[in-house]
Amino acid sequence: MLFDIRPKKRRVDLYDFDEEYGRFVKCLGEPLIVVRGLRRTGKTSLILTGLEETRAPYVLVDFREPCYSRRDLYTVLSRSLSVFASRISGWGRVFSLFKSVFSSIRGISIYGFQVSISWGKGRPLLTDVFRSLDYLALKTGLKVAIVLDEVQKLVGRVKFELLNAIAYAFDYMENISFILSGSEMGLLYGVLDNPKSPLYGRAHVTIETRKFSKKESEEFLIKGFTELNMRVSGEEIEEAVETLDGIVGWLTYYGYSKHIGGESLGEIRRKAVELAREELENFLKQRVSRRRYILVMKALAKGVKEWGRLKNHLEKAEEKPISERVLYDILATLKKHSIINDKLEYTDPVVKEAAKNL
């Protein structure tokens, strides 16, 4: 179903991604694949559909939730391997070998499909986990993909440990591949293009998702409503397309909400803005100068993009001079997190509206 708000896993539900899908499937098995794009432009759906349709074994590690410590990291890995174990439970020899290999690693226990990884002194090395997956792939003739979703959200020591383990696996383990995805493109570049990153200089394939054109957005909504035997006026569809700016995640949310609750576009838009505002609040929690960020973001949302006007806006609010470096750092951070682009424009119209309400 096109309006399913969960990540897609079937080709028939992955609308108008022919070029991206074909390239992704062709590149499966390469040591390192990077799927990047703005939030809600279908990155996870593209990855999962390609893996599911080709029946490739994969471990999905989702870093969208906070992961600040080694305990957090190993908990996420435990959950990911448990889902993997459940998924391959019907694969006979593959599942038996998985249990045998992972049960032999110090610090890892398996109960049924539940995989538990210790994060204390007796913890396994991350390279041990990857090496075991590599061995499983070698003995079964499969290529195992390890998907790291929103990997750029990792910080500190755990980020370095994971990237270092990936770099080691890249060099010495031929039967596993890594798929990195991220929506905060400036931070994702830091994972790959920063000379201090363990992955710096590693060859990789890049696939980028995109916004739909106006025509694609209209066709997506019309097809989705047709699937559900719903009649929606052309005027409302056109207004939705103008409002949501080709971002497939918001278009899907609109279609789903319209189907489930019969709500007006205005009400759906209000809820979408509230969701986006919560995301901005989470972003601001990590900022030391929260008030300054809000001042700049609100000004940008009102169309103020000139350097001098932004600086004057900050100084007027704080009633003191502000160095140019302060404003530069704020704008650079907003760009790194893909909240704004190089033209100081919001990349998502819903986020722009949410910024006005901070």
Foldseek 3Di string as FASTA:
>chain_A
DCLDLDQAQAPVNPPPCVPLLVVVLVCPLPAEAEEEEAPLLRRRNSVNNSCNVVVAQEFEQEPPDPDADLVSVQVSVQVRQLVSLVVCVVVPPLNVLLQVLQCPQFQWDDDRSGIHGDSPPRGGQPLSVVVSVLVSCVVVVGAYEYEYEQLLNYDDPVNQSVQLSSLVCSVPRSRYHYYYYHNLALSVCCCEPPPVHSNDPPDYHYRYGDFDDLVSQLVSLVVLCVVVVHDDDPVQSSVQCVQWVRSSSLSSQQSVCCSPPVDGPVVSLVVLLVVLLVVVVVVLVPDPPSVLLLQLLLCLLVPDQDLVVSQVSSCVVVVHHDDSVVVVVSQVSCSSRQQAHPSSHGPTSSNSVSSNVD
